[in-house]
């Protein structure tokens, strides 16, 4: 399954604007997206998009229960 064009960018933009205090679960990210008028199918979809971006180094997946996600700052 391919990531739909722009999903990662939409998630990143909303979370940058929301400026959360720390890593968030996929469900928490979905709630923030919905609060900002972004429509995503499910928390699973959010996790899929962000999990794939871990491979490129854009996202850090914290493998605790539940998984949490944070964007990697290019300056770090």
PDB file of N, CA and C in Angstrom:
ATOM      1  N   UNK A   1       0.847  -1.183   0.000  1.00  0.00           N
ATOM      2  CA  UNK A   1       0.000   0.000   0.000  1.00  0.00           C
ATOM      3  C   UNK A   1       0.891   1.243   0.000  1.00  0.00           C
ATOM      4  N   UNK A   2       0.668   2.131  -0.910  1.00  0.00           N
ATOM      5  CA  UNK A   2       1.455   3.363  -1.005  1.00  0.00           C
ATOM      6  C   UNK A   2       0.880   4.436  -0.107  1.00  0.00           C
ATOM      7  N   UNK A   3       1.755   5.259   0.407  1.00  0.00           N
ATOM      8  CA  UNK A   3       1.317   6.416   1.174  1.00  0.00           C
ATOM      9  C   UNK A   3       0.716   7.421   0.211  1.00  0.00           C
ATOM     10  N   UNK A   4      -0.463   7.887   0.532  1.00  0.00           N
ATOM     11  CA  UNK A   4      -1.110   8.881  -0.320  1.00  0.00           C
ATOM     12  C   UNK A   4      -0.308  10.165  -0.285  1.00  0.00           C
ATOM     13  N   UNK A   5      -0.217  10.806  -1.436  1.00  0.00           N
ATOM     14  CA  UNK A   5       0.582  12.016  -1.578  1.00  0.00           C
ATOM     15  C   UNK A   5       0.183  13.071  -0.552  1.00  0.00           C
ATOM     16  N   UNK A   6       1.157  13.538   0.169  1.00  0.00           N
ATOM     17  CA  UNK A   6       0.935  14.644   1.068  1.00  0.00           C
ATOM     18  C   UNK A   6       0.504  14.302   2.476  1.00  0.00           C
ATOM     19  N   UNK A   7       0.229  13.040   2.768  1.00  0.00           N
ATOM     20  CA  UNK A   7      -0.239  12.698   4.117  1.00  0.00           C
ATOM     21  C   UNK A   7       0.795  13.043   5.171  1.00  0.00           C
ATOM     22  N   UNK A   8       2.043  12.693   4.926  1.00  0.00           N
ATOM     23  CA  UNK A   8       3.086  12.981   5.894  1.00  0.00           C
ATOM     24  C   UNK A   8       3.217  14.485   6.107  1.00  0.00           C
ATOM     25  N   UNK A   9       3.214  15.230   5.019  1.00  0.00           N
ATOM     26  CA  UNK A   9       3.351  16.674   5.115  1.00  0.00           C
ATOM     27  C   UNK A   9       2.184  17.288   5.881  1.00  0.00           C
ATOM     28  N   UNK A  10       0.973  16.775   5.661  1.00  0.00           N
ATOM     29  CA  UNK A  10      -0.197  17.274   6.391  1.00  0.00           C
ATOM     30  C   UNK A  10      -0.055  17.014   7.883  1.00  0.00           C
ATOM     31  N   UNK A  11       0.386  15.812   8.243  1.00  0.00           N
ATOM     32  CA  UNK A  11       0.567  15.479   9.655  1.00  0.00           C
ATOM     33  C   UNK A  11       1.634  16.382  10.266  1.00  0.00           C
ATOM     34  N   UNK A  12       2.762  16.484   9.599  1.00  0.00           N
ATOM     35  CA  UNK A  12       3.872  17.286  10.127  1.00  0.00           C
ATOM     36  C   UNK A  12       3.463  18.748  10.305  1.00  0.00           C
ATOM     37  N   UNK A  13       2.795  19.323   9.330  1.00  0.00           N
ATOM     38  CA  UNK A  13       2.390  20.721   9.404  1.00  0.00           C
ATOM     39  C   UNK A  13       1.448  20.972  10.580  1.00  0.00           C
ATOM     40  N   UNK A  14       0.459  20.113  10.746  1.00  0.00           N
ATOM     41  CA  UNK A  14      -0.493  20.287  11.845  1.00  0.00           C
ATOM     42  C   UNK A  14       0.215  20.158  13.192  1.00  0.00           C
ATOM     43  N   UNK A  15       1.079  19.162  13.329  1.00  0.00           N
ATOM     44  CA  UNK A  15       1.764  18.974  14.606  1.00  0.00           C
ATOM     45  C   UNK A  15       2.753  20.100  14.897  1.00  0.00           C
ATOM     46  N   UNK A  16       3.376  20.647  13.869  1.00  0.00           N
ATOM     47  CA  UNK A  16       4.249  21.802  14.087  1.00  0.00           C
ATOM     48  C   UNK A  16       3.437  22.981  14.607  1.00  0.00           C
ATOM     49  N   UNK A  17       2.254  23.186  14.045  1.00  0.00           N
ATOM     50  CA  UNK A  17       1.373  24.272  14.503  1.00  0.00           C
ATOM     51  C   UNK A  17       0.861  24.015  15.913  1.00  0.00           C
ATOM     52  N   UNK A  18       0.534  22.759  16.212  1.00  0.00           N
ATOM     53  CA  UNK A  18      -0.013  22.406  17.531  1.00  0.00           C
ATOM     54  C   UNK A  18       1.064  22.422  18.605  1.00  0.00           C
ATOM     55  N   UNK A  19       2.317  22.167  18.217  1.00  0.00           N
ATOM     56  CA  UNK A  19       3.463  22.196  19.117  1.00  0.00           C
ATOM     57  C   UNK A  19       3.247  21.376  20.389  1.00  0.00           C
ATOM     58  N   UNK A  20       3.070  20.058  20.252  1.00  0.00           N
ATOM     59  CA  UNK A  20       2.857  19.218  21.436  1.00  0.00           C
ATOM     60  C   UNK A  20       4.097  19.183  22.328  1.00  0.00           C
ATOM     61  N   UNK A  21       3.876  18.887  23.601  1.00  0.00           N
ATOM     62  CA  UNK A  21       4.966  18.868  24.579  1.00  0.00           C
ATOM     63  C   UNK A  21       5.922  17.696  24.401  1.00  0.00           C
ATOM     64  N   UNK A  22       5.458  16.624  23.813  1.00  0.00           N
ATOM     65  CA  UNK A  22       6.309  15.452  23.670  1.00  0.00           C
ATOM     66  C   UNK A  22       5.764  14.520  22.621  1.00  0.00           C
ATOM     67  N   UNK A  23       6.338  13.332  22.545  1.00  0.00           N
ATOM     68  CA  UNK A  23       5.863  12.341  21.581  1.00  0.00           C
ATOM     69  C   UNK A  23       4.393  11.995  21.838  1.00  0.00           C
ATOM     70  N   UNK A  24       3.671  11.699  20.762  1.00  0.00           N
ATOM     71  CA  UNK A  24       2.250  11.384  20.852  1.00  0.00           C
ATOM     72  C   UNK A  24       1.969  10.012  20.272  1.00  0.00           C
ATOM     73  N   UNK A  25       0.895   9.394  20.748  1.00  0.00           N
ATOM     74  CA  UNK A  25       0.427   8.145  20.157  1.00  0.00           C
ATOM     75  C   UNK A  25      -0.287   8.463  18.846  1.00  0.00           C
ATOM     76  N   UNK A  26      -0.492   7.453  18.032  1.00  0.00           N
ATOM     77  CA  UNK A  26      -1.225   7.645  16.775  1.00  0.00           C
ATOM     78  C   UNK A  26      -2.643   8.155  17.047  1.00  0.00           C
ATOM     79  N   UNK A  27      -3.274   7.667  18.095  1.00  0.00           N
ATOM     80  CA  UNK A  27      -4.625   8.117  18.449  1.00  0.00           C
ATOM     81  C   UNK A  27      -4.611   9.597  18.839  1.00  0.00           C
ATOM     82  N   UNK A  28      -3.616  10.010  19.622  1.00  0.00           N
ATOM     83  CA  UNK A  28      -3.507  11.421  20.005  1.00  0.00           C
ATOM     84  C   UNK A  28      -3.241  12.305  18.785  1.00  0.00           C
ATOM     85  N   UNK A  29      -2.402  11.829  17.878  1.00  0.00           N
ATOM     86  CA  UNK A  29      -2.131  12.577  16.651  1.00  0.00           C
ATOM     87  C   UNK A  29      -3.406  12.698  15.828  1.00  0.00           C
ATOM     88  N   UNK A  30      -4.167  11.613  15.725  1.00  0.00           N
ATOM     89  CA  UNK A  30      -5.425  11.649  14.982  1.00  0.00           C
ATOM     90  C   UNK A  30      -6.369  12.695  15.581  1.00  0.00           C
ATOM     91  N   UNK A  31      -6.444  12.768  16.895  1.00  0.00           N
ATOM     92  CA  UNK A  31      -7.298  13.761  17.556  1.00  0.00           C
ATOM     93  C   UNK A  31      -6.855  15.184  17.228  1.00  0.00           C
ATOM     94  N   UNK A  32      -5.543  15.418  17.239  1.00  0.00           N
ATOM     95  CA  UNK A  32      -5.026  16.748  16.896  1.00  0.00           C
ATOM     96  C   UNK A  32      -5.364  17.078  15.442  1.00  0.00           C
ATOM     97  N   UNK A  33      -5.184  16.114  14.561  1.00  0.00           N
ATOM     98  CA  UNK A  33      -5.510  16.326  13.144  1.00  0.00           C
ATOM     99  C   UNK A  33      -6.981  16.695  12.975  1.00  0.00           C
ATOM    100  N   UNK A  34      -7.852  15.958  13.644  1.00  0.00           N
ATOM    101  CA  UNK A  34      -9.288  16.235  13.533  1.00  0.00           C
ATOM    102  C   UNK A  34      -9.633  17.611  14.077  1.00  0.00           C
ATOM    103  N   UNK A  35      -8.986  18.005  15.177  1.00  0.00           N
ATOM    104  CA  UNK A  35      -9.209  19.344  15.744  1.00  0.00           C
ATOM    105  C   UNK A  35      -8.813  20.446  14.770  1.00  0.00           C
ATOM    106  N   UNK A  36      -7.880  20.144  13.876  1.00  0.00           N
ATOM    107  CA  UNK A  36      -7.407  21.118  12.895  1.00  0.00           C
ATOM    108  C   UNK A  36      -8.046  20.909  11.511  1.00  0.00           C
ATOM    109  N   UNK A  37      -9.107  20.133  11.469  1.00  0.00           N
ATOM    110  CA  UNK A  37      -9.863  19.968  10.228  1.00  0.00           C
ATOM    111  C   UNK A  37      -9.255  19.034   9.210  1.00  0.00           C
ATOM    112  N   UNK A  38      -8.291  18.217   9.611  1.00  0.00           N
ATOM    113  CA  UNK A  38      -7.684  17.246   8.697  1.00  0.00           C
ATOM    114  C   UNK A  38      -8.382  15.906   8.863  1.00  0.00           C
ATOM    115  N   UNK A  39      -8.748  15.310   7.752  1.00  0.00           N
ATOM    116  CA  UNK A  39      -9.491  14.053   7.761  1.00  0.00           C
ATOM    117  C   UNK A  39      -8.559  12.890   7.446  1.00  0.00           C
ATOM    118  N   UNK A  40      -8.379  12.001   8.414  1.00  0.00           N
ATOM    119  CA  UNK A  40      -7.611  10.772   8.221  1.00  0.00           C
ATOM    120  C   UNK A  40      -8.513   9.598   8.540  1.00  0.00           C
ATOM    121  N   UNK A  41      -8.283   8.474   7.868  1.00  0.00           N
ATOM    122  CA  UNK A  41      -9.133   7.294   8.030  1.00  0.00           C
ATOM    123  C   UNK A  41      -9.148   6.759   9.458  1.00  0.00           C
ATOM    124  N   UNK A  42      -7.961   6.708  10.076  1.00  0.00           N
ATOM    125  CA  UNK A  42      -7.865   6.056  11.382  1.00  0.00           C
ATOM    126  C   UNK A  42      -6.506   6.329  12.009  1.00  0.00           C
ATOM    127  N   UNK A  43      -6.390   5.983  13.287  1.00  0.00           N
ATOM    128  CA  UNK A  43      -5.099   6.058  13.966  1.00  0.00           C
ATOM    129  C   UNK A  43      -4.116   5.083  13.310  1.00  0.00           C
ATOM    130  N   UNK A  44      -4.627   3.965  12.830  1.00  0.00           N
ATOM    131  CA  UNK A  44      -3.775   2.992  12.142  1.00  0.00           C
ATOM    132  C   UNK A  44      -3.129   3.615  10.909  1.00  0.00           C
ATOM    133  N   UNK A  45      -3.884   4.408  10.168  1.00  0.00           N
ATOM    134  CA  UNK A  45      -3.338   5.075   8.973  1.00  0.00           C
ATOM    135  C   UNK A  45      -2.230   6.045   9.371  1.00  0.00           C
ATOM    136  N   UNK A  46      -2.459   6.813  10.444  1.00  0.00           N
ATOM    137  CA  UNK A  46      -1.445   7.738  10.941  1.00  0.00           C
ATOM    138  C   UNK A  46      -0.175   6.961  11.294  1.00  0.00           C
ATOM    139  N   UNK A  47      -0.328   5.854  12.016  1.00  0.00           N
ATOM    140  CA  UNK A  47       0.817   5.030  12.414  1.00  0.00           C
ATOM    141  C   UNK A  47       1.555   4.476  11.197  1.00  0.00           C
ATOM    142  N   UNK A  48       0.824   4.085  10.184  1.00  0.00           N
ATOM    143  CA  UNK A  48       1.432   3.558   8.965  1.00  0.00           C
ATOM    144  C   UNK A  48       2.267   4.623   8.273  1.00  0.00           C
ATOM    145  N   UNK A  49       1.695   5.804   8.110  1.00  0.00           N
ATOM    146  CA  UNK A  49       2.408   6.899   7.444  1.00  0.00           C
ATOM    147  C   UNK A  49       3.678   7.256   8.212  1.00  0.00           C
ATOM    148  N   UNK A  50       3.557   7.405   9.525  1.00  0.00           N
ATOM    149  CA  UNK A  50       4.716   7.809  10.321  1.00  0.00           C
ATOM    150  C   UNK A  50       5.732   6.681  10.449  1.00  0.00           C
ATOM    151  N   UNK A  51       5.266   5.453  10.556  1.00  0.00           N
ATOM    152  CA  UNK A  51       6.185   4.322  10.633  1.00  0.00           C
ATOM    153  C   UNK A  51       7.045   4.195   9.393  1.00  0.00           C
ATOM    154  N   UNK A  52       6.471   4.458   8.246  1.00  0.00           N
ATOM    155  CA  UNK A  52       7.251   4.394   7.001  1.00  0.00           C
ATOM    156  C   UNK A  52       8.299   5.496   6.943  1.00  0.00           C
ATOM    157  N   UNK A  53       7.987   6.628   7.533  1.00  0.00           N
ATOM    158  CA  UNK A  53       8.947   7.735   7.513  1.00  0.00           C
ATOM    159  C   UNK A  53      10.072   7.542   8.523  1.00  0.00           C
ATOM    160  N   UNK A  54       9.926   6.596   9.430  1.00  0.00           N
ATOM    161  CA  UNK A  54      11.037   6.282  10.327  1.00  0.00           C
ATOM    162  C   UNK A  54      12.218   5.768   9.509  1.00  0.00           C
ATOM    163  N   UNK A  55      11.924   5.041   8.447  1.00  0.00           N
ATOM    164  CA  UNK A  55      12.970   4.478   7.597  1.00  0.00           C
ATOM    165  C   UNK A  55      13.844   5.551   6.965  1.00  0.00           C
ATOM    166  N   UNK A  56      13.284   6.743   6.748  1.00  0.00           N
ATOM    167  CA  UNK A  56      14.044   7.839   6.138  1.00  0.00           C
ATOM    168  C   UNK A  56      14.659   8.760   7.179  1.00  0.00           C
ATOM    169  N   UNK A  57      14.368   8.494   8.462  1.00  0.00           N
ATOM    170  CA  UNK A  57      14.941   9.297   9.527  1.00  0.00           C
ATOM    171  C   UNK A  57      14.145  10.537   9.888  1.00  0.00           C
ATOM    172  N   UNK A  58      12.963  10.700   9.306  1.00  0.00           N
ATOM    173  CA  UNK A  58      12.136  11.875   9.584  1.00  0.00           C
ATOM    174  C   UNK A  58      11.355  11.759  10.888  1.00  0.00           C
ATOM    175  N   UNK A  59      11.129  10.527  11.320  1.00  0.00           N
ATOM    176  CA  UNK A  59      10.302  10.264  12.494  1.00  0.00           C
ATOM    177  C   UNK A  59      11.016   9.262  13.386  1.00  0.00           C
ATOM    178  N   UNK A  60      10.894   9.454  14.668  1.00  0.00           N
ATOM    179  CA  UNK A  60      11.390   8.490  15.648  1.00  0.00           C
ATOM    180  C   UNK A  60      10.185   7.775  16.241  1.00  0.00           C
ATOM    181  N   UNK A  61      10.178   6.448  16.163  1.00  0.00           N
ATOM    182  CA  UNK A  61       9.110   5.649  16.767  1.00  0.00           C
ATOM    183  C   UNK A  61       9.628   5.141  18.101  1.00  0.00           C
ATOM    184  N   UNK A  62       8.923   5.490  19.151  1.00  0.00           N
ATOM    185  CA  UNK A  62       9.287   5.054  20.496  1.00  0.00           C
ATOM    186  C   UNK A  62       8.474   3.799  20.777  1.00  0.00           C
ATOM    187  N   UNK A  63       9.141   2.676  20.806  1.00  0.00           N
ATOM    188  CA  UNK A  63       8.476   1.377  20.841  1.00  0.00           C
ATOM    189  C   UNK A  63       8.142   0.935  22.256  1.00  0.00           C
ATOM    190  N   UNK A  64       7.286   1.691  22.874  1.00  0.00           N
ATOM    191  CA  UNK A  64       6.696   1.328  24.155  1.00  0.00           C
ATOM    192  C   UNK A  64       5.232   1.034  23.871  1.00  0.00           C
ATOM    193  N   UNK A  65       4.496   0.667  24.874  1.00  0.00           N
ATOM    194  CA  UNK A  65       3.061   0.436  24.679  1.00  0.00           C
ATOM    195  C   UNK A  65       2.278   1.584  25.270  1.00  0.00           C
ATOM    196  N   UNK A  66       1.524   2.318  24.515  1.00  0.00           N
ATOM    197  CA  UNK A  66       1.449   2.262  23.049  1.00  0.00           C
ATOM    198  C   UNK A  66       2.633   2.989  22.404  1.00  0.00           C
ATOM    199  N   UNK A  67       2.861   2.671  21.137  1.00  0.00           N
ATOM    200  CA  UNK A  67       3.917   3.354  20.393  1.00  0.00           C
ATOM    201  C   UNK A  67       3.648   4.852  20.414  1.00  0.00           C
ATOM    202  N   UNK A  68       4.723   5.626  20.440  1.00  0.00           N
ATOM    203  CA  UNK A  68       4.625   7.082  20.351  1.00  0.00           C
ATOM    204  C   UNK A  68       5.536   7.540  19.217  1.00  0.00           C
ATOM    205  N   UNK A  69       5.193   8.681  18.662  1.00  0.00           N
ATOM    206  CA  UNK A  69       5.896   9.192  17.488  1.00  0.00           C
ATOM    207  C   UNK A  69       6.345  10.624  17.735  1.00  0.00           C
ATOM    208  N   UNK A  70       7.563  10.928  17.261  1.00  0.00           N
ATOM    209  CA  UNK A  70       8.024  12.313  17.287  1.00  0.00           C
ATOM    210  C   UNK A  70       8.818  12.576  16.018  1.00  0.00           C
ATOM    211  N   UNK A  71       8.766  13.820  15.575  1.00  0.00           N
ATOM    212  CA  UNK A  71       9.524  14.212  14.395  1.00  0.00           C
ATOM    213  C   UNK A  71      10.955  14.469  14.792  1.00  0.00           C
ATOM    214  N   UNK A  72      11.876  14.083  13.927  1.00  0.00           N
ATOM    215  CA  UNK A  72      13.290  14.278  14.175  1.00  0.00           C
ATOM    216  C   UNK A  72      13.645  15.674  13.698  1.00  0.00           C
ATOM    217  N   UNK A  73      14.240  16.442  14.583  1.00  0.00           N
ATOM    218  CA  UNK A  73      14.676  17.798  14.254  1.00  0.00           C
ATOM    219  C   UNK A  73      15.972  17.700  13.456  1.00  0.00           C
ATOM    220  N   UNK A  74      15.990  18.312  12.307  1.00  0.00           N
ATOM    221  CA  UNK A  74      17.173  18.243  11.443  1.00  0.00           C
ATOM    222  C   UNK A  74      18.399  18.847  12.101  1.00  0.00           C
ATOM    223  N   UNK A  75      18.220  19.687  13.101  1.00  0.00           N
ATOM    224  CA  UNK A  75      19.356  20.337  13.759  1.00  0.00           C
ATOM    225  C   UNK A  75      19.983  19.476  14.839  1.00  0.00           C
ATOM    226  N   UNK A  76      19.343  18.349  15.179  1.00  0.00           N
ATOM    227  CA  UNK A  76      19.879  17.468  16.233  1.00  0.00           C
ATOM    228  C   UNK A  76      20.752  16.391  15.662  1.00  0.00           C
TER     229      UNK A  76
END
